[in-house]
PDB file of N, CA and C in Angstrom:
ATOM      1  N   UNK A   1       0.838  -1.191  -0.001  1.00  0.00           N
ATOM      2  CA  UNK A   1       0.004   0.010   0.000  1.00  0.00           C
ATOM      3  C   UNK A   1       0.898   1.246  -0.006  1.00  0.00           C
ATOM      4  N   UNK A   2       0.552   2.216  -0.826  1.00  0.00           N
ATOM      5  CA  UNK A   2       1.347   3.407  -0.913  1.00  0.00           C
ATOM      6  C   UNK A   2       0.918   4.438   0.148  1.00  0.00           C
ATOM      7  N   UNK A   3       1.829   5.337   0.404  1.00  0.00           N
ATOM      8  CA  UNK A   3       1.591   6.403   1.389  1.00  0.00           C
ATOM      9  C   UNK A   3       0.939   7.589   0.677  1.00  0.00           C
ATOM     10  N   UNK A   4       0.211   8.378   1.469  1.00  0.00           N
ATOM     11  CA  UNK A   4      -0.384   9.598   0.943  1.00  0.00           C
ATOM     12  C   UNK A   4       0.556  10.778   1.266  1.00  0.00           C
ATOM     13  N   UNK A   5       0.699  11.728   0.359  1.00  0.00           N
ATOM     14  CA  UNK A   5       1.485  12.901   0.587  1.00  0.00           C
ATOM     15  C   UNK A   5       0.544  14.021   1.042  1.00  0.00           C
ATOM     16  N   UNK A   6       0.838  14.593   2.249  1.00  0.00           N
ATOM     17  CA  UNK A   6       0.008  15.648   2.780  1.00  0.00           C
ATOM     18  C   UNK A   6       0.860  16.753   3.382  1.00  0.00           C
ATOM     19  N   UNK A   7       0.217  17.839   3.650  1.00  0.00           N
ATOM     20  CA  UNK A   7       0.808  19.008   4.320  1.00  0.00           C
ATOM     21  C   UNK A   7       0.014  19.264   5.573  1.00  0.00           C
ATOM     22  N   UNK A   8       0.658  19.630   6.698  1.00  0.00           N
ATOM     23  CA  UNK A   8      -0.080  19.803   7.962  1.00  0.00           C
ATOM     24  C   UNK A   8      -1.164  20.880   7.898  1.00  0.00           C
ATOM     25  N   UNK A   9      -0.961  21.931   7.082  1.00  0.00           N
ATOM     26  CA  UNK A   9      -1.947  22.986   6.979  1.00  0.00           C
ATOM     27  C   UNK A   9      -2.078  23.409   5.524  1.00  0.00           C
ATOM     28  N   UNK A  10      -3.202  23.994   5.165  1.00  0.00           N
ATOM     29  CA  UNK A  10      -3.349  24.516   3.783  1.00  0.00           C
ATOM     30  C   UNK A  10      -2.306  25.595   3.485  1.00  0.00           C
ATOM     31  N   UNK A  11      -1.925  26.341   4.507  1.00  0.00           N
ATOM     32  CA  UNK A  11      -0.941  27.410   4.343  1.00  0.00           C
ATOM     33  C   UNK A  11       0.432  26.831   3.885  1.00  0.00           C
ATOM     34  N   UNK A  12       0.822  25.686   4.495  1.00  0.00           N
ATOM     35  CA  UNK A  12       2.056  25.057   4.105  1.00  0.00           C
ATOM     36  C   UNK A  12       2.027  24.504   2.671  1.00  0.00           C
ATOM     37  N   UNK A  13       0.885  24.009   2.290  1.00  0.00           N
ATOM     38  CA  UNK A  13       0.704  23.513   0.922  1.00  0.00           C
ATOM     39  C   UNK A  13       0.860  24.679  -0.058  1.00  0.00           C
ATOM     40  N   UNK A  14       0.212  25.806   0.281  1.00  0.00           N
ATOM     41  CA  UNK A  14       0.299  26.988  -0.572  1.00  0.00           C
ATOM     42  C   UNK A  14       1.732  27.495  -0.649  1.00  0.00           C
ATOM     43  N   UNK A  15       2.416  27.528   0.506  1.00  0.00           N
ATOM     44  CA  UNK A  15       3.795  27.968   0.541  1.00  0.00           C
ATOM     45  C   UNK A  15       4.705  27.100  -0.343  1.00  0.00           C
ATOM     46  N   UNK A  16       4.516  25.778  -0.258  1.00  0.00           N
ATOM     47  CA  UNK A  16       5.287  24.823  -1.043  1.00  0.00           C
ATOM     48  C   UNK A  16       5.044  25.065  -2.552  1.00  0.00           C
ATOM     49  N   UNK A  17       3.815  25.203  -2.929  1.00  0.00           N
ATOM     50  CA  UNK A  17       3.457  25.426  -4.364  1.00  0.00           C
ATOM     51  C   UNK A  17       4.039  26.753  -4.856  1.00  0.00           C
ATOM     52  N   UNK A  18       3.891  27.799  -4.048  1.00  0.00           N
ATOM     53  CA  UNK A  18       4.402  29.125  -4.463  1.00  0.00           C
ATOM     54  C   UNK A  18       5.933  29.105  -4.511  1.00  0.00           C
ATOM     55  N   UNK A  19       6.552  28.427  -3.570  1.00  0.00           N
ATOM     56  CA  UNK A  19       8.010  28.324  -3.577  1.00  0.00           C
ATOM     57  C   UNK A  19       8.476  27.672  -4.882  1.00  0.00           C
ATOM     58  N   UNK A  20       7.812  26.616  -5.267  1.00  0.00           N
ATOM     59  CA  UNK A  20       8.189  25.921  -6.501  1.00  0.00           C
ATOM     60  C   UNK A  20       8.032  26.856  -7.715  1.00  0.00           C
ATOM     61  N   UNK A  21       6.944  27.619  -7.759  1.00  0.00           N
ATOM     62  CA  UNK A  21       6.671  28.453  -8.925  1.00  0.00           C
ATOM     63  C   UNK A  21       7.529  29.720  -8.957  1.00  0.00           C
ATOM     64  N   UNK A  22       7.777  30.326  -7.790  1.00  0.00           N
ATOM     65  CA  UNK A  22       8.472  31.640  -7.787  1.00  0.00           C
ATOM     66  C   UNK A  22       9.952  31.534  -7.537  1.00  0.00           C
ATOM     67  N   UNK A  23      10.371  30.600  -6.704  1.00  0.00           N
ATOM     68  CA  UNK A  23      11.789  30.555  -6.316  1.00  0.00           C
ATOM     69  C   UNK A  23      12.624  29.639  -7.208  1.00  0.00           C
ATOM     70  N   UNK A  24      12.034  28.696  -7.858  1.00  0.00           N
ATOM     71  CA  UNK A  24      12.777  27.763  -8.710  1.00  0.00           C
ATOM     72  C   UNK A  24      12.465  28.085 -10.160  1.00  0.00           C
ATOM     73  N   UNK A  25      13.427  28.707 -10.794  1.00  0.00           N
ATOM     74  CA  UNK A  25      13.188  29.218 -12.137  1.00  0.00           C
ATOM     75  C   UNK A  25      13.234  28.173 -13.222  1.00  0.00           C
ATOM     76  N   UNK A  26      14.040  27.148 -13.049  1.00  0.00           N
ATOM     77  CA  UNK A  26      14.172  26.103 -14.058  1.00  0.00           C
ATOM     78  C   UNK A  26      13.107  25.062 -13.942  1.00  0.00           C
ATOM     79  N   UNK A  27      12.384  24.834 -15.040  1.00  0.00           N
ATOM     80  CA  UNK A  27      11.296  23.848 -15.069  1.00  0.00           C
ATOM     81  C   UNK A  27      11.812  22.469 -14.713  1.00  0.00           C
ATOM     82  N   UNK A  28      12.990  22.112 -15.212  1.00  0.00           N
ATOM     83  CA  UNK A  28      13.548  20.787 -14.967  1.00  0.00           C
ATOM     84  C   UNK A  28      13.761  20.555 -13.467  1.00  0.00           C
ATOM     85  N   UNK A  29      14.259  21.574 -12.777  1.00  0.00           N
ATOM     86  CA  UNK A  29      14.485  21.456 -11.341  1.00  0.00           C
ATOM     87  C   UNK A  29      13.180  21.313 -10.619  1.00  0.00           C
ATOM     88  N   UNK A  30      12.182  22.111 -11.010  1.00  0.00           N
ATOM     89  CA  UNK A  30      10.845  21.997 -10.393  1.00  0.00           C
ATOM     90  C   UNK A  30      10.257  20.603 -10.554  1.00  0.00           C
ATOM     91  N   UNK A  31      10.379  20.073 -11.784  1.00  0.00           N
ATOM     92  CA  UNK A  31       9.845  18.724 -12.036  1.00  0.00           C
ATOM     93  C   UNK A  31      10.581  17.705 -11.212  1.00  0.00           C
ATOM     94  N   UNK A  32      11.900  17.861 -11.082  1.00  0.00           N
ATOM     95  CA  UNK A  32      12.695  16.917 -10.323  1.00  0.00           C
ATOM     96  C   UNK A  32      12.233  16.876  -8.843  1.00  0.00           C
ATOM     97  N   UNK A  33      11.975  18.061  -8.296  1.00  0.00           N
ATOM     98  CA  UNK A  33      11.520  18.157  -6.873  1.00  0.00           C
ATOM     99  C   UNK A  33      10.144  17.501  -6.734  1.00  0.00           C
ATOM    100  N   UNK A  34       9.243  17.823  -7.650  1.00  0.00           N
ATOM    101  CA  UNK A  34       7.902  17.225  -7.580  1.00  0.00           C
ATOM    102  C   UNK A  34       7.994  15.730  -7.716  1.00  0.00           C
ATOM    103  N   UNK A  35       8.810  15.227  -8.634  1.00  0.00           N
ATOM    104  CA  UNK A  35       8.951  13.775  -8.827  1.00  0.00           C
ATOM    105  C   UNK A  35       9.560  13.090  -7.618  1.00  0.00           C
ATOM    106  N   UNK A  36      10.560  13.715  -6.994  1.00  0.00           N
ATOM    107  CA  UNK A  36      11.207  13.103  -5.810  1.00  0.00           C
ATOM    108  C   UNK A  36      10.224  13.061  -4.637  1.00  0.00           C
ATOM    109  N   UNK A  37       9.449  14.128  -4.466  1.00  0.00           N
ATOM    110  CA  UNK A  37       8.445  14.139  -3.385  1.00  0.00           C
ATOM    111  C   UNK A  37       7.384  13.086  -3.679  1.00  0.00           C
ATOM    112  N   UNK A  38       6.944  13.017  -4.932  1.00  0.00           N
ATOM    113  CA  UNK A  38       5.948  11.991  -5.298  1.00  0.00           C
ATOM    114  C   UNK A  38       6.475  10.570  -5.098  1.00  0.00           C
ATOM    115  N   UNK A  39       7.776  10.368  -5.270  1.00  0.00           N
ATOM    116  CA  UNK A  39       8.360   9.031  -5.102  1.00  0.00           C
ATOM    117  C   UNK A  39       8.316   8.594  -3.643  1.00  0.00           C
ATOM    118  N   UNK A  40       8.133   9.541  -2.714  1.00  0.00           N
ATOM    119  CA  UNK A  40       8.030   9.181  -1.299  1.00  0.00           C
ATOM    120  C   UNK A  40       6.771   8.383  -1.015  1.00  0.00           C
ATOM    121  N   UNK A  41       5.806   8.401  -1.948  1.00  0.00           N
ATOM    122  CA  UNK A  41       4.572   7.611  -1.780  1.00  0.00           C
ATOM    123  C   UNK A  41       4.925   6.108  -1.696  1.00  0.00           C
ATOM    124  N   UNK A  42       5.815   5.664  -2.520  1.00  0.00           N
ATOM    125  CA  UNK A  42       6.141   4.234  -2.525  1.00  0.00           C
ATOM    126  C   UNK A  42       7.299   3.901  -1.594  1.00  0.00           C
ATOM    127  N   UNK A  43       8.206   4.842  -1.388  1.00  0.00           N
ATOM    128  CA  UNK A  43       9.366   4.619  -0.509  1.00  0.00           C
ATOM    129  C   UNK A  43       9.570   5.833   0.368  1.00  0.00           C
ATOM    130  N   UNK A  44       8.873   5.915   1.530  1.00  0.00           N
ATOM    131  CA  UNK A  44       8.952   7.132   2.335  1.00  0.00           C
ATOM    132  C   UNK A  44      10.310   7.326   3.012  1.00  0.00           C
ATOM    133  N   UNK A  45      11.093   6.250   3.111  1.00  0.00           N
ATOM    134  CA  UNK A  45      12.424   6.344   3.701  1.00  0.00           C
ATOM    135  C   UNK A  45      13.447   5.733   2.703  1.00  0.00           C
ATOM    136  N   UNK A  46      13.806   6.500   1.706  1.00  0.00           N
ATOM    137  CA  UNK A  46      14.667   5.941   0.640  1.00  0.00           C
ATOM    138  C   UNK A  46      16.152   5.878   1.101  1.00  0.00           C
ATOM    139  N   UNK A  47      16.437   4.898   1.941  1.00  0.00           N
ATOM    140  CA  UNK A  47      17.783   4.752   2.485  1.00  0.00           C
ATOM    141  C   UNK A  47      18.841   4.575   1.394  1.00  0.00           C
ATOM    142  N   UNK A  48      18.422   4.063   0.246  1.00  0.00           N
ATOM    143  CA  UNK A  48      19.356   3.827  -0.873  1.00  0.00           C
ATOM    144  C   UNK A  48      19.763   5.103  -1.595  1.00  0.00           C
ATOM    145  N   UNK A  49      19.056   6.219  -1.354  1.00  0.00           N
ATOM    146  CA  UNK A  49      19.380   7.467  -2.048  1.00  0.00           C
ATOM    147  C   UNK A  49      20.435   8.215  -1.280  1.00  0.00           C
ATOM    148  N   UNK A  50      21.333   8.803  -2.037  1.00  0.00           N
ATOM    149  CA  UNK A  50      22.456   9.544  -1.457  1.00  0.00           C
ATOM    150  C   UNK A  50      21.964  10.769  -0.696  1.00  0.00           C
ATOM    151  N   UNK A  51      20.939  11.441  -1.122  1.00  0.00           N
ATOM    152  CA  UNK A  51      20.460  12.649  -0.515  1.00  0.00           C
ATOM    153  C   UNK A  51      19.505  12.468   0.663  1.00  0.00           C
ATOM    154  N   UNK A  52      19.213  11.258   1.053  1.00  0.00           N
ATOM    155  CA  UNK A  52      18.277  10.992   2.145  1.00  0.00           C
ATOM    156  C   UNK A  52      19.038  10.975   3.458  1.00  0.00           C
ATOM    157  N   UNK A  53      18.475  11.684   4.472  1.00  0.00           N
ATOM    158  CA  UNK A  53      19.103  11.675   5.817  1.00  0.00           C
ATOM    159  C   UNK A  53      17.998  11.619   6.869  1.00  0.00           C
ATOM    160  N   UNK A  54      18.261  10.794   7.901  1.00  0.00           N
ATOM    161  CA  UNK A  54      17.388  10.806   9.067  1.00  0.00           C
ATOM    162  C   UNK A  54      17.962  11.850  10.009  1.00  0.00           C
ATOM    163  N   UNK A  55      17.155  12.792  10.426  1.00  0.00           N
ATOM    164  CA  UNK A  55      17.620  13.902  11.285  1.00  0.00           C
ATOM    165  C   UNK A  55      17.537  13.466  12.728  1.00  0.00           C
ATOM    166  N   UNK A  56      18.681  13.503  13.383  1.00  0.00           N
ATOM    167  CA  UNK A  56      18.741  13.135  14.798  1.00  0.00           C
ATOM    168  C   UNK A  56      19.453  14.242  15.580  1.00  0.00           C
ATOM    169  N   UNK A  57      18.828  14.832  16.566  1.00  0.00           N
ATOM    170  CA  UNK A  57      17.425  14.703  16.973  1.00  0.00           C
ATOM    171  C   UNK A  57      16.537  15.380  15.932  1.00  0.00           C
ATOM    172  N   UNK A  58      15.232  15.032  15.928  1.00  0.00           N
ATOM    173  CA  UNK A  58      14.307  15.670  14.973  1.00  0.00           C
ATOM    174  C   UNK A  58      14.357  17.201  15.112  1.00  0.00           C
ATOM    175  N   UNK A  59      14.198  17.861  13.994  1.00  0.00           N
ATOM    176  CA  UNK A  59      14.291  19.320  13.937  1.00  0.00           C
ATOM    177  C   UNK A  59      12.923  19.950  13.972  1.00  0.00           C
ATOM    178  N   UNK A  60      12.699  20.940  14.866  1.00  0.00           N
ATOM    179  CA  UNK A  60      11.382  21.615  14.912  1.00  0.00           C
ATOM    180  C   UNK A  60      11.194  22.468  13.641  1.00  0.00           C
ATOM    181  N   UNK A  61      10.004  22.291  13.039  1.00  0.00           N
ATOM    182  CA  UNK A  61       9.647  23.069  11.840  1.00  0.00           C
ATOM    183  C   UNK A  61       8.198  23.464  12.013  1.00  0.00           C
ATOM    184  N   UNK A  62       7.946  24.722  12.256  1.00  0.00           N
ATOM    185  CA  UNK A  62       6.576  25.250  12.398  1.00  0.00           C
ATOM    186  C   UNK A  62       5.635  24.339  13.161  1.00  0.00           C
ATOM    187  N   UNK A  63       5.908  24.144  14.412  1.00  0.00           N
ATOM    188  CA  UNK A  63       5.067  23.342  15.337  1.00  0.00           C
ATOM    189  C   UNK A  63       5.073  21.844  15.081  1.00  0.00           C
ATOM    190  N   UNK A  64       5.976  21.371  14.237  1.00  0.00           N
ATOM    191  CA  UNK A  64       6.082  19.954  13.941  1.00  0.00           C
ATOM    192  C   UNK A  64       7.541  19.559  14.064  1.00  0.00           C
ATOM    193  N   UNK A  65       7.844  18.285  14.066  1.00  0.00           N
ATOM    194  CA  UNK A  65       9.179  17.800  14.100  1.00  0.00           C
ATOM    195  C   UNK A  65       9.532  17.073  12.797  1.00  0.00           C
ATOM    196  N   UNK A  66      10.552  17.571  12.117  1.00  0.00           N
ATOM    197  CA  UNK A  66      10.987  16.938  10.865  1.00  0.00           C
ATOM    198  C   UNK A  66      11.995  15.847  11.229  1.00  0.00           C
ATOM    199  N   UNK A  67      11.675  14.609  10.866  1.00  0.00           N
ATOM    200  CA  UNK A  67      12.571  13.492  11.165  1.00  0.00           C
ATOM    201  C   UNK A  67      13.445  13.123   9.984  1.00  0.00           C
ATOM    202  N   UNK A  68      13.081  13.587   8.783  1.00  0.00           N
ATOM    203  CA  UNK A  68      13.828  13.206   7.587  1.00  0.00           C
ATOM    204  C   UNK A  68      14.090  14.402   6.675  1.00  0.00           C
ATOM    205  N   UNK A  69      15.170  14.321   5.928  1.00  0.00           N
ATOM    206  CA  UNK A  69      15.504  15.333   4.975  1.00  0.00           C
ATOM    207  C   UNK A  69      15.873  14.674   3.663  1.00  0.00           C
ATOM    208  N   UNK A  70      15.387  15.248   2.567  1.00  0.00           N
ATOM    209  CA  UNK A  70      15.687  14.758   1.232  1.00  0.00           C
ATOM    210  C   UNK A  70      16.370  15.855   0.489  1.00  0.00           C
ATOM    211  N   UNK A  71      17.604  15.615   0.053  1.00  0.00           N
ATOM    212  CA  UNK A  71      18.359  16.599  -0.708  1.00  0.00           C
ATOM    213  C   UNK A  71      18.042  16.398  -2.181  1.00  0.00           C
ATOM    214  N   UNK A  72      17.641  17.528  -2.818  1.00  0.00           N
ATOM    215  CA  UNK A  72      17.342  17.526  -4.258  1.00  0.00           C
ATOM    216  C   UNK A  72      18.050  18.725  -4.839  1.00  0.00           C
ATOM    217  N   UNK A  73      19.269  18.527  -5.354  1.00  0.00           N
ATOM    218  CA  UNK A  73      20.055  19.635  -5.832  1.00  0.00           C
ATOM    219  C   UNK A  73      20.418  20.571  -4.672  1.00  0.00           C
ATOM    220  N   UNK A  74      20.114  21.847  -4.851  1.00  0.00           N
ATOM    221  CA  UNK A  74      20.418  22.833  -3.791  1.00  0.00           C
ATOM    222  C   UNK A  74      19.262  22.990  -2.822  1.00  0.00           C
ATOM    223  N   UNK A  75      18.256  22.159  -2.926  1.00  0.00           N
ATOM    224  CA  UNK A  75      17.045  22.279  -2.120  1.00  0.00           C
ATOM    225  C   UNK A  75      16.954  21.099  -1.151  1.00  0.00           C
ATOM    226  N   UNK A  76      16.292  21.364  -0.002  1.00  0.00           N
ATOM    227  CA  UNK A  76      16.069  20.323   0.989  1.00  0.00           C
ATOM    228  C   UNK A  76      14.600  20.284   1.312  1.00  0.00           C
ATOM    229  N   UNK A  77      14.029  19.075   1.274  1.00  0.00           N
ATOM    230  CA  UNK A  77      12.645  18.875   1.665  1.00  0.00           C
ATOM    231  C   UNK A  77      12.675  18.182   3.043  1.00  0.00           C
ATOM    232  N   UNK A  78      12.042  18.827   4.005  1.00  0.00           N
ATOM    233  CA  UNK A  78      11.969  18.323   5.375  1.00  0.00           C
ATOM    234  C   UNK A  78      10.593  17.683   5.567  1.00  0.00           C
ATOM    235  N   UNK A  79      10.586  16.484   6.110  1.00  0.00           N
ATOM    236  CA  UNK A  79       9.302  15.781   6.218  1.00  0.00           C
ATOM    237  C   UNK A  79       9.281  14.779   7.348  1.00  0.00           C
ATOM    238  N   UNK A  80       8.137  14.242   7.608  1.00  0.00           N
ATOM    239  CA  UNK A  80       7.920  13.220   8.634  1.00  0.00           C
ATOM    240  C   UNK A  80       7.035  12.104   8.043  1.00  0.00           C
ATOM    241  N   UNK A  81       7.105  10.953   8.663  1.00  0.00           N
ATOM    242  CA  UNK A  81       6.316   9.800   8.169  1.00  0.00           C
ATOM    243  C   UNK A  81       5.463   9.255   9.301  1.00  0.00           C
ATOM    244  N   UNK A  82       4.180   9.058   9.024  1.00  0.00           N
ATOM    245  CA  UNK A  82       3.261   8.417   9.950  1.00  0.00           C
ATOM    246  C   UNK A  82       2.930   7.040   9.382  1.00  0.00           C
ATOM    247  N   UNK A  83       3.550   5.994   9.899  1.00  0.00           N
ATOM    248  CA  UNK A  83       3.359   4.648   9.388  1.00  0.00           C
ATOM    249  C   UNK A  83       1.975   4.083   9.700  1.00  0.00           C
ATOM    250  N   UNK A  84       1.392   4.478  10.824  1.00  0.00           N
ATOM    251  CA  UNK A  84       0.071   3.948  11.172  1.00  0.00           C
ATOM    252  C   UNK A  84      -1.002   4.401  10.159  1.00  0.00           C
ATOM    253  N   UNK A  85      -0.950   5.670   9.798  1.00  0.00           N
ATOM    254  CA  UNK A  85      -1.953   6.186   8.880  1.00  0.00           C
ATOM    255  C   UNK A  85      -1.463   6.207   7.418  1.00  0.00           C
ATOM    256  N   UNK A  86      -0.200   5.786   7.186  1.00  0.00           N
ATOM    257  CA  UNK A  86       0.402   5.746   5.852  1.00  0.00           C
ATOM    258  C   UNK A  86       0.393   7.164   5.205  1.00  0.00           C
ATOM    259  N   UNK A  87       0.962   8.124   5.935  1.00  0.00           N
ATOM    260  CA  UNK A  87       1.029   9.487   5.472  1.00  0.00           C
ATOM    261  C   UNK A  87       2.463  10.001   5.537  1.00  0.00           C
ATOM    262  N   UNK A  88       2.873  10.679   4.473  1.00  0.00           N
ATOM    263  CA  UNK A  88       4.150  11.428   4.485  1.00  0.00           C
ATOM    264  C   UNK A  88       3.770  12.881   4.639  1.00  0.00           C
ATOM    265  N   UNK A  89       4.180  13.498   5.717  1.00  0.00           N
ATOM    266  CA  UNK A  89       3.880  14.910   5.986  1.00  0.00           C
ATOM    267  C   UNK A  89       5.012  15.769   5.464  1.00  0.00           C
ATOM    268  N   UNK A  90       4.770  16.572   4.437  1.00  0.00           N
ATOM    269  CA  UNK A  90       5.774  17.522   3.939  1.00  0.00           C
ATOM    270  C   UNK A  90       5.716  18.771   4.800  1.00  0.00           C
ATOM    271  N   UNK A  91       6.805  19.087   5.482  1.00  0.00           N
ATOM    272  CA  UNK A  91       6.829  20.180   6.418  1.00  0.00           C
ATOM    273  C   UNK A  91       7.458  21.445   5.891  1.00  0.00           C
ATOM    274  N   UNK A  92       8.419  21.322   5.020  1.00  0.00           N
ATOM    275  CA  UNK A  92       9.088  22.515   4.528  1.00  0.00           C
ATOM    276  C   UNK A  92       9.993  22.163   3.298  1.00  0.00           C
ATOM    277  N   UNK A  93      10.242  23.192   2.523  1.00  0.00           N
ATOM    278  CA  UNK A  93      11.247  23.089   1.451  1.00  0.00           C
ATOM    279  C   UNK A  93      12.135  24.301   1.632  1.00  0.00           C
ATOM    280  N   UNK A  94      13.458  24.094   1.583  1.00  0.00           N
ATOM    281  CA  UNK A  94      14.418  25.195   1.831  1.00  0.00           C
ATOM    282  C   UNK A  94      15.563  25.152   0.845  1.00  0.00           C
ATOM    283  N   UNK A  95      16.106  26.330   0.581  1.00  0.00           N
ATOM    284  CA  UNK A  95      17.335  26.395  -0.178  1.00  0.00           C
ATOM    285  C   UNK A  95      18.461  26.057   0.835  1.00  0.00           C
ATOM    286  N   UNK A  96      19.459  25.354   0.404  1.00  0.00           N
ATOM    287  CA  UNK A  96      20.533  24.891   1.273  1.00  0.00           C
ATOM    288  C   UNK A  96      21.108  25.993   2.130  1.00  0.00           C
ATOM    289  N   UNK A  97      21.318  27.191   1.610  1.00  0.00           N
ATOM    290  CA  UNK A  97      21.974  28.275   2.358  1.00  0.00           C
ATOM    291  C   UNK A  97      21.028  28.979   3.317  1.00  0.00           C
ATOM    292  N   UNK A  98      19.760  28.616   3.301  1.00  0.00           N
ATOM    293  CA  UNK A  98      18.734  29.368   4.053  1.00  0.00           C
ATOM    294  C   UNK A  98      18.431  28.732   5.402  1.00  0.00           C
ATOM    295  N   UNK A  99      19.409  28.690   6.288  1.00  0.00           N
ATOM    296  CA  UNK A  99      19.235  28.157   7.654  1.00  0.00           C
ATOM    297  C   UNK A  99      18.550  26.776   7.636  1.00  0.00           C
ATOM    298  N   UNK A 100      18.944  25.948   6.747  1.00  0.00           N
ATOM    299  CA  UNK A 100      18.324  24.651   6.554  1.00  0.00           C
ATOM    300  C   UNK A 100      18.389  23.782   7.827  1.00  0.00           C
ATOM    301  N   UNK A 101      19.487  23.890   8.548  1.00  0.00           N
ATOM    302  CA  UNK A 101      19.686  23.009   9.691  1.00  0.00           C
ATOM    303  C   UNK A 101      19.509  23.743  11.003  1.00  0.00           C
ATOM    304  N   UNK A 102      18.886  24.901  11.022  1.00  0.00           N
ATOM    305  CA  UNK A 102      18.691  25.645  12.280  1.00  0.00           C
ATOM    306  C   UNK A 102      17.245  25.665  12.643  1.00  0.00           C
TER     307      UNK A 102
END
């Protein structure tokens, strides 16, 4: 069974979509990020990928804790996984230089 991709609030979903449209100018990079996030449906913890990291201790992100980070070029997607409900919670997307680990 595949996981569902969700955002904790509609505001975070809107921020993610706007970030993709306004901050990432290259269509290919945007598509790559969307494809990588979509791939989390089948493999929420892609240990085989070079850019996947389990964050220890989990990092607070807008009232949530990000347990995982996925590196996609210069961008980082911070997320959490709920195995009971089969949900991948996308918490944030950041440019590497933008306080990604703070």
